[in-house]
mmCIF file of all heavy atoms, coordinates in Angstrom:
data_MODEL
# 
_entry.id   MODEL 
# 
loop_
_atom_site.group_PDB 
_atom_site.id 
_atom_site.type_symbol 
_atom_site.label_atom_id 
_atom_site.label_alt_id 
_atom_site.label_comp_id 
_atom_site.label_asym_id 
_atom_site.label_entity_id 
_atom_site.label_seq_id 
_atom_site.pdbx_PDB_ins_code 
_atom_site.Cartn_x 
_atom_site.Cartn_y 
_atom_site.Cartn_z 
_atom_site.occupancy 
_atom_site.B_iso_or_equiv 
_atom_site.pdbx_formal_charge 
_atom_site.auth_seq_id 
_atom_site.auth_comp_id 
_atom_site.auth_asym_id 
_atom_site.auth_atom_id 
_atom_site.pdbx_PDB_model_num 
ATOM 1   N N   . ALA A 1 1  ? 0.844  -1.184  0.026  1.00 0.00 ? 1  ALA A N   1 
ATOM 2   C CA  . ALA A 1 1  ? -0.022 0.030   0.013  1.00 0.00 ? 1  ALA A CA  1 
ATOM 3   C C   . ALA A 1 1  ? 0.852  1.274   0.014  1.00 0.00 ? 1  ALA A C   1 
ATOM 4   O O   . ALA A 1 1  ? 0.452  2.294   -0.511 1.00 0.00 ? 1  ALA A O   1 
ATOM 5   C CB  . ALA A 1 1  ? -0.892 -0.030  1.238  1.00 0.00 ? 1  ALA A CB  1 
ATOM 6   N N   . ALA A 1 2  ? 2.065  1.195   0.620  1.00 0.00 ? 2  ALA A N   1 
ATOM 7   C CA  . ALA A 1 2  ? 2.910  2.339   0.691  1.00 0.00 ? 2  ALA A CA  1 
ATOM 8   C C   . ALA A 1 2  ? 3.625  2.640   -0.648 1.00 0.00 ? 2  ALA A C   1 
ATOM 9   O O   . ALA A 1 2  ? 4.202  3.690   -0.802 1.00 0.00 ? 2  ALA A O   1 
ATOM 10  C CB  . ALA A 1 2  ? 3.922  2.133   1.799  1.00 0.00 ? 2  ALA A CB  1 
ATOM 11  N N   . GLY A 1 3  ? 3.638  1.597   -1.572 1.00 0.00 ? 3  GLY A N   1 
ATOM 12  C CA  . GLY A 1 3  ? 4.189  1.887   -2.904 1.00 0.00 ? 3  GLY A CA  1 
ATOM 13  C C   . GLY A 1 3  ? 5.260  0.954   -3.382 1.00 0.00 ? 3  GLY A C   1 
ATOM 14  O O   . GLY A 1 3  ? 5.828  1.187   -4.443 1.00 0.00 ? 3  GLY A O   1 
ATOM 15  N N   . ALA A 1 4  ? 5.411  -0.172  -2.667 1.00 0.00 ? 4  ALA A N   1 
ATOM 16  C CA  . ALA A 1 4  ? 6.452  -1.201  -3.159 1.00 0.00 ? 4  ALA A CA  1 
ATOM 17  C C   . ALA A 1 4  ? 5.948  -1.826  -4.487 1.00 0.00 ? 4  ALA A C   1 
ATOM 18  O O   . ALA A 1 4  ? 4.830  -2.125  -4.640 1.00 0.00 ? 4  ALA A O   1 
ATOM 19  C CB  . ALA A 1 4  ? 6.547  -2.275  -2.075 1.00 0.00 ? 4  ALA A CB  1 
ATOM 20  N N   . ASP A 1 5  ? 6.957  -1.981  -5.358 1.00 0.00 ? 5  ASP A N   1 
ATOM 21  C CA  . ASP A 1 5  ? 6.747  -2.715  -6.611 1.00 0.00 ? 5  ASP A CA  1 
ATOM 22  C C   . ASP A 1 5  ? 7.186  -4.145  -6.472 1.00 0.00 ? 5  ASP A C   1 
ATOM 23  O O   . ASP A 1 5  ? 6.733  -4.977  -7.245 1.00 0.00 ? 5  ASP A O   1 
ATOM 24  C CB  . ASP A 1 5  ? 7.461  -1.992  -7.785 1.00 0.00 ? 5  ASP A CB  1 
ATOM 25  C CG  . ASP A 1 5  ? 6.878  -0.642  -8.133 1.00 0.00 ? 5  ASP A CG  1 
ATOM 26  O OD1 . ASP A 1 5  ? 5.641  -0.623  -8.361 1.00 0.00 ? 5  ASP A OD1 1 
ATOM 27  O OD2 . ASP A 1 5  ? 7.607  0.339   -8.066 1.00 0.00 ? 5  ASP A OD2 1 
ATOM 28  N N   . SER A 1 6  ? 8.189  -4.379  -5.602 1.00 0.00 ? 6  SER A N   1 
ATOM 29  C CA  . SER A 1 6  ? 8.595  -5.741  -5.344 1.00 0.00 ? 6  SER A CA  1 
ATOM 30  C C   . SER A 1 6  ? 8.991  -5.841  -3.842 1.00 0.00 ? 6  SER A C   1 
ATOM 31  O O   . SER A 1 6  ? 9.342  -4.773  -3.272 1.00 0.00 ? 6  SER A O   1 
ATOM 32  C CB  . SER A 1 6  ? 9.837  -6.158  -6.190 1.00 0.00 ? 6  SER A CB  1 
ATOM 33  O OG  . SER A 1 6  ? 10.987 -5.510  -5.729 1.00 0.00 ? 6  SER A OG  1 
ATOM 34  N N   . ILE A 1 7  ? 8.837  -6.988  -3.295 1.00 0.00 ? 7  ILE A N   1 
ATOM 35  C CA  . ILE A 1 7  ? 9.179  -7.217  -1.897 1.00 0.00 ? 7  ILE A CA  1 
ATOM 36  C C   . ILE A 1 7  ? 10.018 -8.436  -1.713 1.00 0.00 ? 7  ILE A C   1 
ATOM 37  O O   . ILE A 1 7  ? 9.630  -9.555  -2.245 1.00 0.00 ? 7  ILE A O   1 
ATOM 38  C CB  . ILE A 1 7  ? 7.925  -7.346  -1.025 1.00 0.00 ? 7  ILE A CB  1 
ATOM 39  C CG1 . ILE A 1 7  ? 7.106  -6.061  -1.016 1.00 0.00 ? 7  ILE A CG1 1 
ATOM 40  C CG2 . ILE A 1 7  ? 8.258  -7.793  0.434  1.00 0.00 ? 7  ILE A CG2 1 
ATOM 41  C CD1 . ILE A 1 7  ? 5.776  -6.098  -0.219 1.00 0.00 ? 7  ILE A CD1 1 
ATOM 42  N N   . THR A 1 8  ? 11.157 -8.310  -1.135 1.00 0.00 ? 8  THR A N   1 
ATOM 43  C CA  . THR A 1 8  ? 12.102 -9.408  -0.977 1.00 0.00 ? 8  THR A CA  1 
ATOM 44  C C   . THR A 1 8  ? 12.197 -9.700  0.550  1.00 0.00 ? 8  THR A C   1 
ATOM 45  O O   . THR A 1 8  ? 12.365 -8.824  1.370  1.00 0.00 ? 8  THR A O   1 
ATOM 46  C CB  . THR A 1 8  ? 13.524 -9.016  -1.457 1.00 0.00 ? 8  THR A CB  1 
ATOM 47  O OG1 . THR A 1 8  ? 13.475 -8.809  -2.877 1.00 0.00 ? 8  THR A OG1 1 
ATOM 48  C CG2 . THR A 1 8  ? 14.551 -10.145 -1.178 1.00 0.00 ? 8  THR A CG2 1 
ATOM 49  N N   . ILE A 1 9  ? 12.032 -11.009 0.809  1.00 0.00 ? 9  ILE A N   1 
ATOM 50  C CA  . ILE A 1 9  ? 12.012 -11.403 2.252  1.00 0.00 ? 9  ILE A CA  1 
ATOM 51  C C   . ILE A 1 9  ? 13.226 -12.380 2.466  1.00 0.00 ? 9  ILE A C   1 
ATOM 52  O O   . ILE A 1 9  ? 13.776 -12.893 1.478  1.00 0.00 ? 9  ILE A O   1 
ATOM 53  C CB  . ILE A 1 9  ? 10.735 -12.143 2.640  1.00 0.00 ? 9  ILE A CB  1 
ATOM 54  C CG1 . ILE A 1 9  ? 10.353 -13.265 1.651  1.00 0.00 ? 9  ILE A CG1 1 
ATOM 55  C CG2 . ILE A 1 9  ? 9.629  -11.150 2.690  1.00 0.00 ? 9  ILE A CG2 1 
ATOM 56  C CD1 . ILE A 1 9  ? 10.766 -14.613 2.038  1.00 0.00 ? 9  ILE A CD1 1 
ATOM 57  N N   . HIS A 1 10 ? 13.636 -12.548 3.730  1.00 0.00 ? 10 HIS A N   1 
ATOM 58  C CA  . HIS A 1 10 ? 14.771 -13.394 3.958  1.00 0.00 ? 10 HIS A CA  1 
ATOM 59  C C   . HIS A 1 10 ? 14.295 -14.842 4.282  1.00 0.00 ? 10 HIS A C   1 
ATOM 60  O O   . HIS A 1 10 ? 13.406 -15.017 5.142  1.00 0.00 ? 10 HIS A O   1 
ATOM 61  C CB  . HIS A 1 10 ? 15.559 -12.875 5.133  1.00 0.00 ? 10 HIS A CB  1 
ATOM 62  C CG  . HIS A 1 10 ? 16.703 -11.973 4.743  1.00 0.00 ? 10 HIS A CG  1 
ATOM 63  N ND1 . HIS A 1 10 ? 17.971 -12.487 4.571  1.00 0.00 ? 10 HIS A ND1 1 
ATOM 64  C CD2 . HIS A 1 10 ? 16.760 -10.677 4.386  1.00 0.00 ? 10 HIS A CD2 1 
ATOM 65  C CE1 . HIS A 1 10 ? 18.752 -11.516 4.134  1.00 0.00 ? 10 HIS A CE1 1 
ATOM 66  N NE2 . HIS A 1 10 ? 18.030 -10.432 3.973  1.00 0.00 ? 10 HIS A NE2 1 
ATOM 67  N N   . LEU A 1 11 ? 14.925 -15.762 3.692  1.00 0.00 ? 11 LEU A N   1 
ATOM 68  C CA  . LEU A 1 11 ? 14.713 -17.183 3.921  1.00 0.00 ? 11 LEU A CA  1 
ATOM 69  C C   . LEU A 1 11 ? 14.790 -17.448 5.436  1.00 0.00 ? 11 LEU A C   1 
ATOM 70  O O   . LEU A 1 11 ? 14.005 -18.196 6.036  1.00 0.00 ? 11 LEU A O   1 
ATOM 71  C CB  . LEU A 1 11 ? 15.699 -18.030 3.153  1.00 0.00 ? 11 LEU A CB  1 
ATOM 72  C CG  . LEU A 1 11 ? 15.612 -19.546 3.358  1.00 0.00 ? 11 LEU A CG  1 
ATOM 73  C CD1 . LEU A 1 11 ? 14.370 -20.127 2.763  1.00 0.00 ? 11 LEU A CD1 1 
ATOM 74  C CD2 . LEU A 1 11 ? 16.913 -20.220 2.756  1.00 0.00 ? 11 LEU A CD2 1 
ATOM 75  N N   . GLU A 1 12 ? 15.828 -16.867 6.077  1.00 0.00 ? 12 GLU A N   1 
ATOM 76  C CA  . GLU A 1 12 ? 16.111 -17.112 7.510  1.00 0.00 ? 12 GLU A CA  1 
ATOM 77  C C   . GLU A 1 12 ? 15.150 -16.468 8.462  1.00 0.00 ? 12 GLU A C   1 
ATOM 78  O O   . GLU A 1 12 ? 15.147 -16.816 9.668  1.00 0.00 ? 12 GLU A O   1 
ATOM 79  C CB  . GLU A 1 12 ? 17.518 -16.632 7.827  1.00 0.00 ? 12 GLU A CB  1 
ATOM 80  C CG  . GLU A 1 12 ? 18.596 -17.140 6.961  1.00 0.00 ? 12 GLU A CG  1 
ATOM 81  C CD  . GLU A 1 12 ? 18.897 -16.254 5.704  1.00 0.00 ? 12 GLU A CD  1 
ATOM 82  O OE1 . GLU A 1 12 ? 18.094 -15.363 5.452  1.00 0.00 ? 12 GLU A OE1 1 
ATOM 83  O OE2 . GLU A 1 12 ? 19.968 -16.473 5.093  1.00 0.00 ? 12 GLU A OE2 1 
ATOM 84  N N   . ALA A 1 13 ? 14.296 -15.515 7.961  1.00 0.00 ? 13 ALA A N   1 
ATOM 85  C CA  . ALA A 1 13 ? 13.500 -14.740 8.863  1.00 0.00 ? 13 ALA A CA  1 
ATOM 86  C C   . ALA A 1 13 ? 11.968 -15.167 8.891  1.00 0.00 ? 13 ALA A C   1 
ATOM 87  O O   . ALA A 1 13 ? 11.147 -14.586 9.546  1.00 0.00 ? 13 ALA A O   1 
ATOM 88  C CB  . ALA A 1 13 ? 13.545 -13.293 8.443  1.00 0.00 ? 13 ALA A CB  1 
ATOM 89  N N   . CYS A 1 14 ? 11.689 -16.243 8.097  1.00 0.00 ? 14 CYS A N   1 
ATOM 90  C CA  . CYS A 1 14 ? 10.260 -16.680 7.994  1.00 0.00 ? 14 CYS A CA  1 
ATOM 91  C C   . CYS A 1 14 ? 10.060 -18.072 8.598  1.00 0.00 ? 14 CYS A C   1 
ATOM 92  O O   . CYS A 1 14 ? 10.730 -19.033 8.165  1.00 0.00 ? 14 CYS A O   1 
ATOM 93  C CB  . CYS A 1 14 ? 9.871  -16.722 6.484  1.00 0.00 ? 14 CYS A CB  1 
ATOM 94  S SG  . CYS A 1 14 ? 10.122 -15.130 5.679  1.00 0.00 ? 14 CYS A SG  1 
ATOM 95  N N   . GLU A 1 15 ? 9.042  -18.191 9.350  1.00 0.00 ? 15 GLU A N   1 
ATOM 96  C CA  . GLU A 1 15 ? 8.609  -19.530 9.859  1.00 0.00 ? 15 GLU A CA  1 
ATOM 97  C C   . GLU A 1 15 ? 7.965  -20.293 8.743  1.00 0.00 ? 15 GLU A C   1 
ATOM 98  O O   . GLU A 1 15 ? 8.226  -21.506 8.602  1.00 0.00 ? 15 GLU A O   1 
ATOM 99  C CB  . GLU A 1 15 ? 7.623  -19.335 11.014 1.00 0.00 ? 15 GLU A CB  1 
ATOM 100 C CG  . GLU A 1 15 ? 7.271  -20.685 11.680 1.00 0.00 ? 15 GLU A CG  1 
ATOM 101 C CD  . GLU A 1 15 ? 6.385  -20.526 12.886 1.00 0.00 ? 15 GLU A CD  1 
ATOM 102 O OE1 . GLU A 1 15 ? 6.415  -19.453 13.518 1.00 0.00 ? 15 GLU A OE1 1 
ATOM 103 O OE2 . GLU A 1 15 ? 5.648  -21.454 13.172 1.00 0.00 ? 15 GLU A OE2 1 
ATOM 104 N N   . ASP A 1 16 ? 7.268  -19.585 7.854  1.00 0.00 ? 16 ASP A N   1 
ATOM 105 C CA  . ASP A 1 16 ? 6.544  -20.278 6.721  1.00 0.00 ? 16 ASP A CA  1 
ATOM 106 C C   . ASP A 1 16 ? 6.937  -19.465 5.513  1.00 0.00 ? 16 ASP A C   1 
ATOM 107 O O   . ASP A 1 16 ? 6.206  -18.494 5.158  1.00 0.00 ? 16 ASP A O   1 
ATOM 108 C CB  . ASP A 1 16 ? 5.095  -20.344 6.957  1.00 0.00 ? 16 ASP A CB  1 
ATOM 109 C CG  . ASP A 1 16 ? 4.318  -21.193 5.950  1.00 0.00 ? 16 ASP A CG  1 
ATOM 110 O OD1 . ASP A 1 16 ? 4.822  -21.356 4.816  1.00 0.00 ? 16 ASP A OD1 1 
ATOM 111 O OD2 . ASP A 1 16 ? 3.262  -21.756 6.244  1.00 0.00 ? 16 ASP A OD2 1 
ATOM 112 N N   . VAL A 1 17 ? 7.959  -19.910 4.777  1.00 0.00 ? 17 VAL A N   1 
ATOM 113 C CA  . VAL A 1 17 ? 8.410  -19.149 3.579  1.00 0.00 ? 17 VAL A CA  1 
ATOM 114 C C   . VAL A 1 17 ? 7.366  -19.190 2.487  1.00 0.00 ? 17 VAL A C   1 
ATOM 115 O O   . VAL A 1 17 ? 7.011  -18.213 1.873  1.00 0.00 ? 17 VAL A O   1 
ATOM 116 C CB  . VAL A 1 17 ? 9.737  -19.748 3.092  1.00 0.00 ? 17 VAL A CB  1 
ATOM 117 C CG1 . VAL A 1 17 ? 10.175 -19.047 1.761  1.00 0.00 ? 17 VAL A CG1 1 
ATOM 118 C CG2 . VAL A 1 17 ? 10.828 -19.593 4.069  1.00 0.00 ? 17 VAL A CG2 1 
ATOM 119 N N   . GLY A 1 18 ? 6.784  -20.375 2.333  1.00 0.00 ? 18 GLY A N   1 
ATOM 120 C CA  . GLY A 1 18 ? 5.709  -20.515 1.309  1.00 0.00 ? 18 GLY A CA  1 
ATOM 121 C C   . GLY A 1 18 ? 4.523  -19.540 1.438  1.00 0.00 ? 18 GLY A C   1 
ATOM 122 O O   . GLY A 1 18 ? 4.101  -18.860 0.543  1.00 0.00 ? 18 GLY A O   1 
ATOM 123 N N   . ALA A 1 19 ? 4.029  -19.480 2.661  1.00 0.00 ? 19 ALA A N   1 
ATOM 124 C CA  . ALA A 1 19 ? 2.919  -18.570 2.983  1.00 0.00 ? 19 ALA A CA  1 
ATOM 125 C C   . ALA A 1 19 ? 3.266  -17.135 2.817  1.00 0.00 ? 19 ALA A C   1 
ATOM 126 O O   . ALA A 1 19 ? 2.487  -16.298 2.318  1.00 0.00 ? 19 ALA A O   1 
ATOM 127 C CB  . ALA A 1 19 ? 2.489  -18.787 4.435  1.00 0.00 ? 19 ALA A CB  1 
ATOM 128 N N   . THR A 1 20 ? 4.565  -16.793 3.140  1.00 0.00 ? 20 THR A N   1 
ATOM 129 C CA  . THR A 1 20 ? 4.994  -15.442 2.967  1.00 0.00 ? 20 THR A CA  1 
ATOM 130 C C   . THR A 1 20 ? 5.063  -15.003 1.500  1.00 0.00 ? 20 THR A C   1 
ATOM 131 O O   . THR A 1 20 ? 4.615  -13.944 1.101  1.00 0.00 ? 20 THR A O   1 
ATOM 132 C CB  . THR A 1 20 ? 6.336  -15.192 3.674  1.00 0.00 ? 20 THR A CB  1 
ATOM 133 O OG1 . THR A 1 20 ? 6.326  -15.692 4.982  1.00 0.00 ? 20 THR A OG1 1 
ATOM 134 C CG2 . THR A 1 20 ? 6.754  -13.760 3.698  1.00 0.00 ? 20 THR A CG2 1 
ATOM 135 N N   . LEU A 1 21 ? 5.643  -15.898 0.691  1.00 0.00 ? 21 LEU A N   1 
ATOM 136 C CA  . LEU A 1 21 ? 5.687  -15.597 -0.738 1.00 0.00 ? 21 LEU A CA  1 
ATOM 137 C C   . LEU A 1 21 ? 4.345  -15.594 -1.426 1.00 0.00 ? 21 LEU A C   1 
ATOM 138 O O   . LEU A 1 21 ? 4.054  -14.749 -2.251 1.00 0.00 ? 21 LEU A O   1 
ATOM 139 C CB  . LEU A 1 21 ? 6.540  -16.678 -1.470 1.00 0.00 ? 21 LEU A CB  1 
ATOM 140 C CG  . LEU A 1 21 ? 8.045  -16.648 -1.061 1.00 0.00 ? 21 LEU A CG  1 
ATOM 141 C CD1 . LEU A 1 21 ? 8.791  -17.887 -1.732 1.00 0.00 ? 21 LEU A CD1 1 
ATOM 142 C CD2 . LEU A 1 21 ? 8.733  -15.341 -1.588 1.00 0.00 ? 21 LEU A CD2 1 
ATOM 143 N N   . LYS A 1 22 ? 3.441  -16.448 -0.931 1.00 0.00 ? 22 LYS A N   1 
ATOM 144 C CA  . LYS A 1 22 ? 2.081  -16.447 -1.430 1.00 0.00 ? 22 LYS A CA  1 
ATOM 145 C C   . LYS A 1 22 ? 1.362  -15.169 -1.133 1.00 0.00 ? 22 LYS A C   1 
ATOM 146 O O   . LYS A 1 22 ? 0.609  -14.564 -1.932 1.00 0.00 ? 22 LYS A O   1 
ATOM 147 C CB  . LYS A 1 22 ? 1.312  -17.634 -0.792 1.00 0.00 ? 22 LYS A CB  1 
ATOM 148 C CG  . LYS A 1 22 ? -0.068 -17.874 -1.389 1.00 0.00 ? 22 LYS A CG  1 
ATOM 149 C CD  . LYS A 1 22 ? -0.708 -19.102 -0.848 1.00 0.00 ? 22 LYS A CD  1 
ATOM 150 C CE  . LYS A 1 22 ? -2.105 -19.350 -1.387 1.00 0.00 ? 22 LYS A CE  1 
ATOM 151 N NZ  . LYS A 1 22 ? -2.760 -20.546 -0.811 1.00 0.00 ? 22 LYS A NZ  1 
ATOM 152 N N   . LYS A 1 23 ? 1.618  -14.566 0.058  1.00 0.00 ? 23 LYS A N   1 
ATOM 153 C CA  . LYS A 1 23 ? 1.076  -13.284 0.476  1.00 0.00 ? 23 LYS A CA  1 
ATOM 154 C C   . LYS A 1 23 ? 1.573  -12.200 -0.477 1.00 0.00 ? 23 LYS A C   1 
ATOM 155 O O   . LYS A 1 23 ? 0.761  -11.316 -0.830 1.00 0.00 ? 23 LYS A O   1 
ATOM 156 C CB  . LYS A 1 23 ? 1.473  -13.017 1.922  1.00 0.00 ? 23 LYS A CB  1 
ATOM 157 C CG  . LYS A 1 23 ? 0.878  -11.730 2.555  1.00 0.00 ? 23 LYS A CG  1 
ATOM 158 C CD  . LYS A 1 23 ? -0.565 -11.967 2.956  1.00 0.00 ? 23 LYS A CD  1 
ATOM 159 C CE  . LYS A 1 23 ? -1.076 -10.828 3.779  1.00 0.00 ? 23 LYS A CE  1 
ATOM 160 N NZ  . LYS A 1 23 ? -2.450 -11.046 4.169  1.00 0.00 ? 23 LYS A NZ  1 
ATOM 161 N N   . ILE A 1 24 ? 2.864  -12.193 -0.780 1.00 0.00 ? 24 ILE A N   1 
ATOM 162 C CA  . ILE A 1 24 ? 3.369  -11.202 -1.674 1.00 0.00 ? 24 ILE A CA  1 
ATOM 163 C C   . ILE A 1 24 ? 2.690  -11.344 -3.030 1.00 0.00 ? 24 ILE A C   1 
ATOM 164 O O   . ILE A 1 24 ? 2.294  -10.274 -3.618 1.00 0.00 ? 24 ILE A O   1 
ATOM 165 C CB  . ILE A 1 24 ? 4.924  -11.356 -1.846 1.00 0.00 ? 24 ILE A CB  1 
ATOM 166 C CG1 . ILE A 1 24 ? 5.595  -11.150 -0.462 1.00 0.00 ? 24 ILE A CG1 1 
ATOM 167 C CG2 . ILE A 1 24 ? 5.460  -10.341 -2.907 1.00 0.00 ? 24 ILE A CG2 1 
ATOM 168 C CD1 . ILE A 1 24 ? 7.082  -11.483 -0.489 1.00 0.00 ? 24 ILE A CD1 1 
ATOM 169 N N   . ARG A 1 25 ? 2.575  -12.446 -3.552 1.00 0.00 ? 25 ARG A N   1 
ATOM 170 C CA  . ARG A 1 25 ? 1.903  -12.660 -4.863 1.00 0.00 ? 25 ARG A CA  1 
ATOM 171 C C   . ARG A 1 25 ? 0.442  -12.212 -4.795 1.00 0.00 ? 25 ARG A C   1 
ATOM 172 O O   . ARG A 1 25 ? -0.054 -11.599 -5.750 1.00 0.00 ? 25 ARG A O   1 
ATOM 173 C CB  . ARG A 1 25 ? 1.897  -14.169 -5.197 1.00 0.00 ? 25 ARG A CB  1 
ATOM 174 C CG  . ARG A 1 25 ? 3.261  -14.790 -5.522 1.00 0.00 ? 25 ARG A CG  1 
ATOM 175 C CD  . ARG A 1 25 ? 3.645  -14.214 -6.815 1.00 0.00 ? 25 ARG A CD  1 
ATOM 176 N NE  . ARG A 1 25 ? 4.873  -14.965 -7.310 1.00 0.00 ? 25 ARG A NE  1 
ATOM 177 C CZ  . ARG A 1 25 ? 5.741  -14.447 -8.130 1.00 0.00 ? 25 ARG A CZ  1 
ATOM 178 N NH1 . ARG A 1 25 ? 5.637  -13.203 -8.542 1.00 0.00 ? 25 ARG A NH1 1 
ATOM 179 N NH2 . ARG A 1 25 ? 6.779  -15.173 -8.533 1.00 0.00 ? 25 ARG A NH2 1 
ATOM 180 N N   . ALA A 1 26 ? -0.211 -12.487 -3.618 1.00 0.00 ? 26 ALA A N   1 
ATOM 181 C CA  . ALA A 1 26 ? -1.629 -12.039 -3.542 1.00 0.00 ? 26 ALA A CA  1 
ATOM 182 C C   . ALA A 1 26 ? -1.739 -10.511 -3.622 1.00 0.00 ? 26 ALA A C   1 
ATOM 183 O O   . ALA A 1 26 ? -2.809 -10.021 -3.959 1.00 0.00 ? 26 ALA A O   1 
ATOM 184 C CB  . ALA A 1 26 ? -2.130 -12.558 -2.210 1.00 0.00 ? 26 ALA A CB  1 
ATOM 185 N N   . CYS A 1 27 ? -0.690 -9.821  -3.180 1.00 0.00 ? 27 CYS A N   1 
ATOM 186 C CA  . CYS A 1 27 ? -0.710 -8.337  -3.216 1.00 0.00 ? 27 CYS A CA  1 
ATOM 187 C C   . CYS A 1 27 ? -0.352 -7.793  -4.560 1.00 0.00 ? 27 CYS A C   1 
ATOM 188 O O   . CYS A 1 27 ? -0.177 -6.559  -4.809 1.00 0.00 ? 27 CYS A O   1 
ATOM 189 C CB  . CYS A 1 27 ? 0.215  -7.787  -2.134 1.00 0.00 ? 27 CYS A CB  1 
ATOM 190 S SG  . CYS A 1 27 ? -0.411 -7.986  -0.466 1.00 0.00 ? 27 CYS A SG  1 
# 
């Protein structure tokens, strides 16, 4: 909502990497 065109997350920082990437795709 703030204006990101892409979002990169850290493999090491996520309990559920798949869900996090799915959330980015949903946005």
